[in-house]
Protein backbone atom coordinates (compact mmCIF):
# COMPACT_ATOMS: atom_id res chain seq x y z
CA MET A 1 102.07 164.77 132.51
CA GLU A 2 98.23 163.07 131.49
CA LEU A 3 98.38 160.89 128.27
CA THR A 4 94.92 160.80 126.94
CA MET A 5 94.49 158.27 123.95
CA ASN A 6 92.44 158.84 120.96
CA VAL A 7 89.72 155.87 119.94
CA PRO A 8 87.27 156.49 117.13
CA GLY A 9 84.00 154.69 118.78
CA ARG A 10 84.41 150.90 116.77
CA GLU A 11 87.91 150.70 117.93
CA ARG A 12 87.38 151.70 121.06
CA ARG A 13 84.88 148.62 121.26
CA ARG A 14 87.10 146.40 119.55
CA TRP A 15 90.02 146.55 122.02
CA GLN A 16 87.09 146.54 124.66
CA GLY A 17 85.96 143.14 123.53
CA TRP A 18 89.12 141.11 122.98
CA MET A 19 90.33 142.53 126.99
CA LEU A 20 86.89 141.31 128.04
CA THR A 21 87.52 137.68 126.79
CA ALA A 22 90.85 137.85 128.09
CA TRP A 23 90.04 138.47 131.17
CA LEU A 24 87.69 135.38 130.57
CA LEU A 25 89.85 133.38 129.38
CA LEU A 26 92.44 133.78 131.96
CA PRO A 27 90.92 131.21 134.48
CA MET A 28 90.87 128.84 131.80
CA GLY A 29 94.43 128.89 131.41
CA ALA A 30 95.75 128.71 134.68
CA LEU A 31 93.71 125.25 135.33
CA VAL A 32 95.16 124.10 131.93
CA ALA A 33 98.47 125.05 133.55
CA LEU A 34 97.68 123.59 136.75
CA MET A 35 96.88 120.03 135.66
CA TRP A 36 100.37 120.13 133.11
CA GLY A 37 101.99 120.61 135.69
CA ILE A 38 100.26 117.64 138.42
CA ALA A 39 100.91 115.57 135.11
CA GLY A 40 104.39 116.05 135.20
CA MET A 41 104.85 115.21 139.02
CA MET A 42 103.00 112.01 138.46
CA THR A 43 104.61 110.58 135.54
CA THR A 44 107.96 111.90 137.28
CA PRO A 45 109.86 108.76 138.54
CA LYS A 46 111.18 109.48 141.53
CA LYS A 47 114.18 107.35 143.78
CA PRO A 48 111.97 104.79 145.98
CA PHE A 49 113.28 104.41 149.54
CA GLY A 50 113.12 101.15 150.84
CA PRO A 51 111.25 98.73 152.79
CA PRO A 52 111.24 98.36 156.11
CA VAL A 53 114.15 96.23 158.13
CA GLY A 54 112.30 94.04 161.03
CA ALA A 55 110.33 91.37 161.71
CA GLY A 56 107.07 91.81 160.70
CA ALA A 57 107.25 95.23 159.05
CA GLY A 58 105.85 93.78 155.50
CA TYR A 59 105.81 95.87 152.72
CA THR A 60 103.42 98.48 154.79
CA GLY A 61 106.35 100.60 156.19
CA GLY A 62 105.98 101.64 159.55
CA ALA A 63 108.33 101.96 162.42
CA ASN A 64 110.83 100.72 161.34
CA ALA A 65 111.40 102.75 157.85
CA ILE A 66 110.58 106.00 160.19
CA GLY A 67 113.29 104.78 162.28
CA ASN A 68 115.98 104.08 160.07
CA LEU A 69 114.78 107.61 158.10
CA LEU A 70 115.52 109.88 161.39
CA ALA A 71 118.78 107.55 161.76
CA GLY A 72 119.92 108.26 158.20
CA LYS A 73 120.40 104.88 157.61
CA PRO A 74 118.25 103.06 154.31
CA ALA A 75 116.30 100.29 154.50
CA ASN A 76 117.46 97.51 152.42
CA THR A 77 115.50 95.40 150.03
CA ASP A 78 114.86 92.00 152.43
CA ALA A 79 110.87 92.54 152.55
CA MET A 80 110.68 93.81 148.79
CA PRO A 81 107.90 91.86 146.90
CA PRO A 82 109.76 89.18 144.47
CA ARG A 83 110.79 89.69 142.00
CA PRO A 84 109.50 88.81 138.57
CA GLU A 85 111.99 86.54 137.61
CA ALA A 86 112.48 85.04 140.72
CA GLN A 87 109.38 83.28 140.72
CA ALA A 88 109.73 79.74 141.68
CA ALA A 89 107.73 76.48 139.95
CA ASP A 90 107.33 74.28 142.52
CA GLY A 91 105.17 76.30 144.11
CA SER A 92 107.43 79.09 146.39
CA ARG A 93 105.92 82.38 145.65
CA GLY A 94 109.24 83.96 145.24
CA VAL A 95 112.78 84.31 145.88
CA GLU A 96 113.93 87.42 147.72
CA LEU A 97 117.63 88.34 146.85
CA GLY A 98 117.86 91.45 148.99
CA GLY A 99 119.26 94.92 148.12
CA GLY A 100 122.92 94.41 147.80
CA SER A 101 124.51 96.33 145.61
CA VAL A 102 125.04 94.03 142.23
CA PRO A 103 126.67 94.56 139.32
CA ALA A 104 123.99 94.80 136.27
CA ALA A 105 126.39 92.31 134.30
CA SER A 106 127.12 89.52 136.94
CA GLU A 107 126.32 86.23 135.27
CA PRO A 108 123.54 84.16 137.04
CA THR A 109 124.68 81.41 139.00
CA MET A 110 121.60 79.18 139.88
CA VAL A 111 122.40 77.36 143.78
CA GLN A 112 120.32 75.37 146.05
CA PRO A 113 119.83 77.73 149.02
CA GLU A 114 120.89 75.14 151.43
CA SER A 115 123.97 74.86 149.86
CA LEU A 116 124.79 78.72 151.37
CA THR A 117 127.09 79.15 153.77
CA GLN A 118 125.37 82.24 154.79
CA GLY A 119 122.43 79.90 155.19
CA PHE A 120 118.63 81.02 153.83
CA ILE A 121 115.59 82.51 155.39
CA LEU A 122 111.72 81.36 154.74
CA VAL A 123 108.60 83.25 155.29
CA VAL A 124 105.63 81.33 155.43
CA GLU A 125 101.86 82.79 154.60
CA ASP A 126 99.31 80.95 156.33
CA ARG A 127 96.47 80.88 153.90
CA ALA A 128 94.07 79.90 156.62
CA ARG A 129 94.63 82.39 159.23
CA ILE A 130 94.42 78.72 161.84
CA ALA A 131 98.10 79.00 163.37
CA THR A 132 98.79 81.54 166.78
CA GLN A 133 101.35 81.09 169.02
CA SER A 134 99.85 78.51 171.26
CA SER A 135 99.04 76.35 167.73
CA PRO A 136 102.37 77.86 166.29
CA ILE A 137 103.97 76.47 162.62
CA TYR A 138 107.03 73.85 162.49
CA ILE A 139 108.95 72.81 159.48
CA ALA A 140 109.93 68.87 159.83
CA SER A 141 112.81 68.09 157.34
CA ASN A 142 115.52 65.53 156.03
CA LEU A 143 118.20 67.31 156.79
CA TYR A 144 117.30 69.51 160.09
CA SER A 145 115.04 68.03 162.35
CA ASN A 146 114.97 64.33 161.08
CA TRP A 147 111.14 65.14 160.36
CA ASN A 148 110.27 65.91 163.98
CA PRO A 149 107.36 67.54 163.48
CA GLY A 150 107.60 69.38 166.30
CA ASP A 151 111.45 70.35 167.36
CA PRO A 152 111.18 73.45 168.87
CA LYS A 153 114.57 74.49 167.57
CA PHE A 154 112.38 74.45 164.45
CA MET A 155 109.48 76.76 165.56
CA LEU A 156 109.15 80.07 162.95
CA SER A 157 107.97 82.91 164.44
CA PRO A 158 105.33 85.00 163.72
CA GLN A 159 105.54 88.42 162.43
CA SER A 160 103.22 91.24 162.59
CA ASP A 161 101.89 91.06 158.97
CA MET A 162 100.11 87.38 160.39
CA ARG A 163 103.64 86.00 158.29
CA TRP A 164 105.85 83.48 160.20
CA ARG A 165 109.13 83.31 159.59
CA ILE A 166 112.69 80.82 160.52
CA GLU A 167 116.60 81.22 159.85
CA LEU A 168 118.31 78.34 159.07
CA PRO A 169 121.76 77.90 159.00
CA GLN A 170 123.71 75.64 156.23
CA PRO A 171 122.74 71.99 157.35
CA GLU A 172 125.63 69.73 158.41
CA ALA A 173 125.12 67.55 155.62
CA TRP A 174 126.35 70.48 153.41
CA LYS A 175 129.74 71.01 155.05
CA GLY A 176 131.90 69.59 153.03
CA GLY A 177 130.63 71.12 149.77
CA SER A 178 127.61 69.18 148.58
CA GLY A 179 125.09 66.92 149.82
CA PRO A 180 121.16 66.31 149.62
CA ALA A 181 118.51 68.20 149.10
CA LEU A 182 116.76 69.75 151.20
CA ALA A 183 112.66 67.91 151.60
CA PHE A 184 110.47 69.75 154.23
CA LYS A 185 107.17 69.87 155.23
CA PHE A 186 105.44 72.02 157.23
CA THR A 187 103.13 71.34 160.87
CA ARG A 188 101.37 72.83 163.63
CA GLY A 189 103.39 70.20 165.93
CA THR A 190 102.35 67.29 165.32
CA TRP A 191 101.96 64.91 161.53
CA GLU A 192 97.95 65.27 162.21
CA LEU A 193 98.34 69.15 161.37
CA GLU A 194 100.75 68.64 158.91
CA GLU A 195 99.96 71.06 155.91
CA LEU A 196 97.75 70.30 153.23
CA ASN A 197 96.29 71.81 149.45
CA ASP A 198 93.56 73.25 148.88
CA ASP A 199 91.32 70.68 147.92
CA LEU A 200 91.86 68.72 152.04
CA THR A 201 94.99 66.00 149.98
CA SER A 202 98.47 65.67 151.56
CA PRO A 203 101.21 67.27 149.12
CA GLY A 204 103.95 65.88 148.80
CA ASN A 205 107.12 67.19 150.30
CA ARG A 206 108.42 70.47 149.36
CA THR A 207 111.64 71.50 148.23
CA LEU A 208 113.45 74.58 147.62
CA PRO A 209 114.05 76.49 143.88
CA LYS A 210 117.67 77.02 142.98
CA ILE A 211 118.54 80.92 143.27
CA ASP A 212 120.95 83.60 141.48
CA ALA A 213 123.74 84.13 143.90
CA SER A 214 124.84 86.50 141.92
CA ARG A 215 122.71 88.66 143.59
CA LEU A 216 123.34 88.43 146.92
CA ALA A 217 125.92 90.71 148.67
CA PRO A 218 128.45 88.92 150.54
CA GLY A 219 126.84 87.29 153.51
CA GLU A 220 123.07 87.92 152.61
CA LYS A 221 120.80 85.77 153.39
CA PRO A 222 117.89 85.50 150.65
CA VAL A 223 114.39 85.07 151.57
CA ILE A 224 112.54 82.35 150.22
CA GLU A 225 108.10 83.29 150.63
CA VAL A 226 106.15 80.25 150.61
CA SER A 227 102.18 79.32 151.31
CA VAL A 228 100.05 77.00 153.17
CA ALA A 229 96.83 76.74 151.96
CA LYS A 230 95.62 74.58 154.91
CA TRP A 231 95.67 71.82 157.70
CA GLY A 232 95.15 68.51 158.24
CA ASP A 233 92.24 69.70 161.12
CA MET A 234 90.35 71.69 158.26
CA ARG A 235 89.21 68.01 157.11
CA THR A 236 85.46 67.09 157.78
CA GLY A 237 85.00 65.32 160.78
CA PHE A 238 88.45 65.71 161.25
CA VAL A 239 89.63 63.14 164.59
CA SER A 240 92.99 62.16 166.14
CA ASP A 241 94.88 59.62 163.05
CA PRO A 242 93.26 56.36 164.39
CA ALA A 243 96.59 54.31 163.19
CA ASN A 244 98.56 55.74 166.33
CA LYS A 245 95.17 55.51 168.55
CA PRO A 246 93.99 51.71 169.64
CA PHE A 247 91.03 51.24 169.22
CA GLU A 248 89.91 53.50 166.38
CA PRO A 249 89.01 51.88 163.47
CA LEU A 250 90.97 51.44 160.57
CA THR A 251 89.78 51.77 156.82
CA VAL A 252 91.50 48.13 156.02
CA SER A 253 90.98 45.94 153.18
CA GLY A 254 90.65 42.42 155.29
CA ASP A 255 91.26 41.96 158.88
CA VAL A 256 93.79 44.01 161.00
CA ARG A 257 94.58 43.26 164.12
CA ARG A 258 96.30 45.68 167.25
CA LEU A 259 99.29 43.92 169.00
CA LYS A 260 100.85 46.10 171.31
CA VAL A 261 104.82 46.01 172.08
CA VAL A 262 106.33 48.31 174.76
CA ASP A 263 110.31 50.02 174.25
CA GLY A 264 111.99 50.05 170.98
CA ALA A 265 115.95 52.00 170.50
CA ALA A 266 116.65 56.00 169.96
CA GLY A 267 113.26 57.80 170.99
CA GLY A 268 111.47 54.28 171.47
CA ALA A 269 112.22 53.87 175.43
CA GLY A 270 110.16 53.25 177.76
CA MET A 271 107.52 53.98 173.93
CA THR A 272 104.36 51.46 173.66
CA ARG A 273 103.33 51.02 170.38
CA GLU A 274 100.67 49.20 168.46
CA CYS A 275 102.07 46.86 165.84
CA LEU A 276 99.24 46.17 163.26
CA VAL A 277 98.96 42.76 161.99
CA TRP A 278 97.06 41.80 158.41
CA LEU A 279 95.62 38.29 158.78
CA PRO A 280 94.91 36.25 155.47
CA PRO A 281 91.45 35.44 154.48
CA GLY A 282 90.13 32.83 155.73
CA TYR A 283 92.92 32.59 159.05
CA ASP A 284 89.39 32.10 161.63
CA ASP A 285 88.20 29.05 159.78
CA PRO A 286 88.02 26.56 162.40
CA ALA A 287 89.38 24.04 159.06
CA ASN A 288 92.64 26.26 159.87
CA ALA A 289 92.86 26.28 163.54
CA ALA A 290 96.09 24.48 163.44
CA ARG A 291 97.47 26.39 160.53
CA ARG A 292 100.66 27.80 160.41
CA TYR A 293 101.23 31.59 158.35
CA PRO A 294 104.26 32.33 156.54
CA VAL A 295 105.10 35.74 158.41
CA LEU A 296 106.66 39.53 156.72
CA TYR A 297 107.32 42.27 159.22
CA MET A 298 107.33 45.29 157.86
CA HIS A 299 109.21 48.90 159.60
CA ASP A 300 107.10 51.97 158.73
CA GLY A 301 104.05 49.97 159.88
CA GLN A 302 101.46 53.11 160.44
CA ASN A 303 101.27 53.70 156.51
CA LEU A 304 101.15 49.85 155.09
CA PHE A 305 97.54 49.15 155.51
CA ALA A 306 96.05 52.54 155.47
CA LYS A 307 97.12 56.31 154.85
CA HIS A 308 98.96 58.08 157.74
CA ALA A 309 98.95 61.59 158.43
CA GLY A 310 102.74 62.91 157.55
CA VAL A 311 102.58 60.76 154.20
CA PRO A 312 100.83 61.51 150.93
CA ALA A 313 99.48 58.02 150.45
CA GLU A 314 99.78 53.87 151.45
CA TRP A 315 101.49 51.08 150.68
CA GLY A 316 98.00 49.31 150.04
CA LEU A 317 99.07 46.32 150.78
CA ASP A 318 96.09 44.51 152.26
CA GLU A 319 94.24 45.37 148.91
CA THR A 320 97.45 43.55 146.96
CA ALA A 321 98.11 40.83 149.00
CA GLY A 322 93.83 40.16 150.04
CA ALA A 323 94.09 39.88 145.76
CA MET A 324 97.24 37.73 145.01
CA ILE A 325 96.11 35.18 147.89
CA ARG A 326 92.62 34.89 146.52
CA SER A 327 94.09 34.38 142.68
CA GLY A 328 96.50 31.43 144.21
CA ALA A 329 99.71 34.04 143.43
CA ILE A 330 100.56 33.62 146.71
CA PRO A 331 100.13 31.30 149.77
CA PRO A 332 98.21 33.26 152.64
CA VAL A 333 100.45 35.17 154.57
CA VAL A 334 100.06 37.25 157.71
CA ILE A 335 101.92 40.65 157.69
CA VAL A 336 102.94 42.09 161.14
CA GLY A 337 103.38 45.85 160.33
CA ILE A 338 106.18 47.99 163.39
CA PRO A 339 105.48 51.16 163.64
CA HIS A 340 109.01 53.42 163.60
CA ALA A 341 109.30 55.80 167.15
CA GLY A 342 108.59 58.81 165.66
CA ALA A 343 110.78 61.96 165.44
CA THR A 344 113.56 59.70 165.87
CA ARG A 345 112.81 57.91 163.04
CA ILE A 346 115.89 57.80 161.24
CA ARG A 347 118.44 57.11 164.19
CA GLU A 348 116.35 54.47 164.83
CA TYR A 349 116.25 52.83 161.69
CA LEU A 350 120.15 53.62 160.78
CA PRO A 351 122.08 50.63 160.69
CA VAL A 352 125.76 52.29 159.88
CA ASN A 353 127.26 55.25 160.55
CA ALA A 354 126.54 56.22 157.00
CA TYR A 355 124.27 59.61 158.20
CA PRO A 356 126.37 61.46 160.43
CA PRO A 357 123.47 64.37 160.56
CA ALA A 358 121.68 61.60 162.70
CA GLY A 359 123.65 61.08 165.36
CA VAL A 360 124.60 57.43 166.23
CA PRO A 361 123.26 54.46 164.85
CA ALA A 362 120.44 53.04 167.01
CA GLY A 363 119.59 50.53 163.78
CA PRO A 364 121.71 47.45 166.06
CA ASP A 365 119.59 48.42 169.00
CA HIS A 366 116.84 48.72 167.42
CA VAL A 367 117.40 45.09 165.27
CA ALA A 368 117.97 43.84 168.93
CA TRP A 369 114.63 44.76 170.33
CA LEU A 370 112.55 43.09 166.94
CA MET A 371 114.02 39.98 168.20
CA ARG A 372 113.61 40.45 172.43
CA GLU A 373 110.10 42.03 172.15
CA VAL A 374 108.06 42.07 168.39
CA LYS A 375 108.68 38.90 167.22
CA PRO A 376 108.59 36.37 170.23
CA ARG A 377 105.22 39.00 170.81
CA VAL A 378 103.93 38.11 167.14
CA GLU A 379 105.01 33.85 167.75
CA ARG A 380 102.56 33.74 171.02
CA ALA A 381 100.09 36.09 169.75
CA PHE A 382 99.57 34.84 166.38
CA ARG A 383 99.85 31.11 164.57
CA VAL A 384 103.05 32.44 161.95
CA GLU A 385 105.75 30.36 160.86
CA THR A 386 110.03 30.44 162.80
CA ASP A 387 111.36 28.49 160.31
CA ARG A 388 113.94 31.22 158.22
CA ALA A 389 112.25 29.78 154.83
CA LYS A 390 109.22 31.59 155.65
CA VAL A 391 109.93 34.70 157.62
CA GLY A 392 110.66 37.94 155.67
CA ILE A 393 112.09 40.85 156.98
CA GLY A 394 111.27 44.17 154.89
CA GLY A 395 110.17 48.21 154.00
CA SER A 396 111.39 51.02 152.05
CA SER A 397 114.08 53.50 152.35
CA LEU A 398 116.13 53.48 156.06
CA GLY A 399 113.15 50.57 156.90
CA ALA A 400 115.01 48.83 153.54
CA ALA A 401 118.42 48.91 155.52
CA VAL A 402 117.74 47.85 159.16
CA ALA A 403 115.93 45.25 157.54
CA LEU A 404 118.46 44.43 155.11
CA TYR A 405 120.76 44.43 158.75
CA ALA A 406 118.47 42.21 160.81
CA ALA A 407 118.79 39.55 157.79
CA LEU A 408 122.13 40.00 157.71
CA GLU A 409 123.19 39.94 161.48
CA HIS A 410 119.83 37.08 162.62
CA PRO A 411 120.42 34.56 159.45
CA ASP A 412 118.59 32.13 161.63
CA ALA A 413 115.35 34.49 161.94
CA PHE A 414 115.13 35.84 158.37
CA GLY A 415 115.33 33.96 154.90
CA LEU A 416 113.09 36.47 152.78
CA VAL A 417 113.79 40.46 152.13
CA TYR A 418 111.96 42.89 151.28
CA ALA A 419 114.13 46.09 151.17
CA GLU A 420 112.63 49.15 148.32
CA SER A 421 114.33 52.20 148.00
CA LEU A 422 117.66 51.14 149.89
CA PRO A 423 119.75 54.61 150.78
CA LEU A 424 123.23 53.90 149.85
CA ASN A 425 123.67 56.96 148.07
CA THR A 426 122.58 58.28 150.83
CA GLY A 427 125.26 60.17 152.98
CA ASP A 428 128.38 58.27 153.25
CA SER A 429 128.01 55.77 150.49
CA LEU A 430 131.49 53.97 151.49
CA ALA A 431 130.19 53.53 155.15
CA TRP A 432 127.91 51.41 152.88
CA GLN A 433 129.70 50.04 150.72
CA GLY A 434 131.84 48.95 153.88
CA TRP A 435 129.19 46.98 156.07
CA LEU A 436 127.92 45.29 152.82
CA ASN A 437 131.46 43.96 151.60
CA GLU A 438 132.06 42.44 155.25
CA LYS A 439 128.44 40.97 155.47
CA VAL A 440 127.70 40.09 151.56
CA LYS A 441 131.24 37.64 151.47
CA PRO A 442 131.44 34.38 150.12
CA GLY A 443 131.26 31.86 153.10
CA ALA A 444 128.52 33.92 154.56
CA ARG A 445 125.01 32.54 155.37
CA LEU A 446 122.54 34.72 153.01
CA PRO A 447 118.88 35.26 152.80
CA ASP A 448 116.93 32.77 150.55
CA ARG A 449 115.48 35.21 148.61
CA VAL A 450 115.68 38.58 148.30
CA TYR A 451 113.58 41.67 146.62
CA LEU A 452 115.30 44.76 146.17
CA GLY A 453 113.08 47.77 144.09
CA MET A 454 114.44 51.07 143.09
CA GLY A 455 113.12 54.32 141.10
CA GLY A 456 115.01 55.64 138.20
CA LYS A 457 114.38 58.85 139.98
CA GLU A 458 114.41 57.94 143.57
CA SER A 459 116.12 61.65 144.52
CA GLY A 460 114.17 63.93 142.60
CA ILE A 461 112.46 64.61 138.82
CA GLU A 462 114.98 67.27 138.14
CA PRO A 463 117.52 66.68 134.93
CA MET A 464 120.66 67.79 137.73
CA LYS A 465 119.33 64.44 139.87
CA ARG A 466 120.56 62.74 137.14
CA ARG A 467 124.11 61.42 138.54
CA THR A 468 122.47 60.90 142.17
CA ASN A 469 119.59 59.18 140.82
CA GLU A 470 122.09 57.01 138.72
CA GLY A 471 124.02 56.18 141.98
CA TYR A 472 121.03 54.74 143.02
CA VAL A 473 120.42 52.12 140.50
CA LYS A 474 123.86 51.38 140.11
CA LEU A 475 124.66 50.55 143.85
CA ALA A 476 121.33 48.66 144.17
CA ARG A 477 122.82 46.38 141.38
CA ASP A 478 126.40 45.94 142.65
CA LEU A 479 124.25 44.67 145.62
CA SER A 480 121.93 42.14 143.40
CA ALA A 481 125.44 41.05 141.74
CA LYS A 482 127.49 40.31 145.21
CA LEU A 483 124.06 38.50 146.73
CA THR A 484 124.14 36.21 143.77
CA GLU A 485 128.38 35.61 143.53
CA ALA A 486 128.37 35.33 147.35
CA SER A 487 125.98 32.58 147.63
CA GLY A 488 127.12 30.82 144.37
CA GLY A 489 123.63 31.37 143.16
CA GLU A 490 121.67 29.97 145.71
CA THR A 491 120.29 33.50 147.15
CA LEU A 492 117.58 34.43 144.98
CA ALA A 493 118.17 38.46 144.40
CA VAL A 494 115.80 40.17 141.88
CA LEU A 495 116.00 43.79 141.31
CA VAL A 496 112.90 45.31 140.12
CA VAL A 497 114.27 48.99 138.31
CA ASP A 498 111.30 51.48 137.60
CA GLU A 499 112.57 54.67 135.35
CA ASP A 500 109.98 57.02 136.07
CA ALA A 501 109.63 55.87 139.86
CA THR A 502 110.40 58.42 142.60
CA HIS A 503 110.96 58.13 145.83
CA THR A 504 107.40 57.53 147.71
CA GLU A 505 104.32 55.00 148.77
CA SER A 506 102.97 54.87 145.33
CA ALA A 507 105.80 53.54 143.78
CA TRP A 508 106.43 51.35 146.63
CA ALA A 509 102.60 50.35 146.42
CA SER A 510 102.76 50.33 142.65
CA ARG A 511 105.86 47.31 142.60
CA ALA A 512 103.77 45.71 146.06
CA GLY A 513 102.58 42.78 143.79
CA THR A 514 106.15 41.82 142.42
CA ALA A 515 107.73 41.99 145.57
CA LEU A 516 105.12 39.13 147.42
CA THR A 517 105.64 36.88 144.88
CA VAL A 518 109.43 37.40 144.35
CA LEU A 519 109.24 36.59 148.04
CA PHE A 520 106.44 34.12 148.52
CA GLY A 521 105.47 33.01 145.04
CA ASP A 522 106.74 30.32 142.44
CA ALA A 523 110.09 31.59 141.94
CA SER A 524 111.05 29.98 139.03
CA ALA A 525 109.55 33.18 136.34
CA PHE A 526 112.82 34.89 138.35
CA THR A 527 115.20 32.48 137.96
CA VAL A 528 117.57 31.91 135.47
CA PRO A 529 117.58 28.10 133.59
């Protein structure tokens, strides 16, 4: 059956207009619907797939992520970008806490990474893009490599994302549940190629930021990201360190001469070293040809008069002593800088078994070498005194410890002691105290004058270090009192505590004038009537 619609002329035209309008609007409506759908897809969050597993994958996915997906194993989040709250205040780019399932309500448990029994991972960005497999990155530290700048056991591995990586176990010093803070720097195998700041200055030692252990899965190693701005060989006119190279000029104040010595303790066997000998004003004047000078033997001699690679500053003993001699505050003095053996410095200077990670103490062997090789060599080459009342020995940290050891073992040779930042609260403090109780007692021949310098923040400025810092100061005070009591007041023991000072060359430089006055100047200002 056929139906026919009978529509009047005007109504037919109106109906035709509506149909035409609808036909024209149809594509526009479809376009709007399509855009609405796309917008919805873009704003709907998708569950992210974890980043890649394996060295070098970075944040880019790639073969590792695809392989895990095909194997039906989701990638973990060990390489996820650092969470905002994990950004460190000390220059670290971030601390990655992995992808373990941790309840949202977990209370934060802030710990030092070096305290974790499972260890931790360091990832380093070489912003200068200079490190290569033939010139790789190393970590030099107090707890792992004894500050060896090129220990192959602590060489980082390159990743395909141009970063470098090393997995570090819990340090031996922390096996008992507590230990000293990890201090470290990055090098490319030598201290001449140490890391630098953006302005090509040497940075201080790095430490690790605390991490939230509650966000780690059992056994999970946190990943700590850091970056290195520049390297030692990027300095303008870079040359090998003159402090270690004979016949190369040093930038010093006054007359510094080199004296070759051989052998030594620990890693010094067979080594040839250059002692740096600072001579006072007027030493070469004909009028002084028969004059003999008081002498001060100092450890870590590389950075007494000029900045040495691997340390952020120098003692400046040449400037300080020169100014004091010219002003008449102290008599002219010869200062002998004895270089350490490098990578084995800690063991070389350790006089007693107070720091097991360093191995068998070689301090006694070092002092024997000092008496056999260095002191006679200096006395033959220069006009120095041999009377113990005019012969001093000193150093900082372990250099101070081995200097004190030398003075107590050889009281006829050394009557003056210059001891900065004695490490009596480092490692086994009972071992240090046992040694001092045995040597500093009534009847023993003790030094005539002892200068003890100590900073109030030797182990760091963080509030958590307060008790450790107080321990260093207390033990120094105890030693000062012990020296005075055991000698019946015959030993002048002067302790200087700089409350805001840390364990640095700059701090030791700031106290050098006082130390030289105690040892060689007018002692009346330091004696009690």
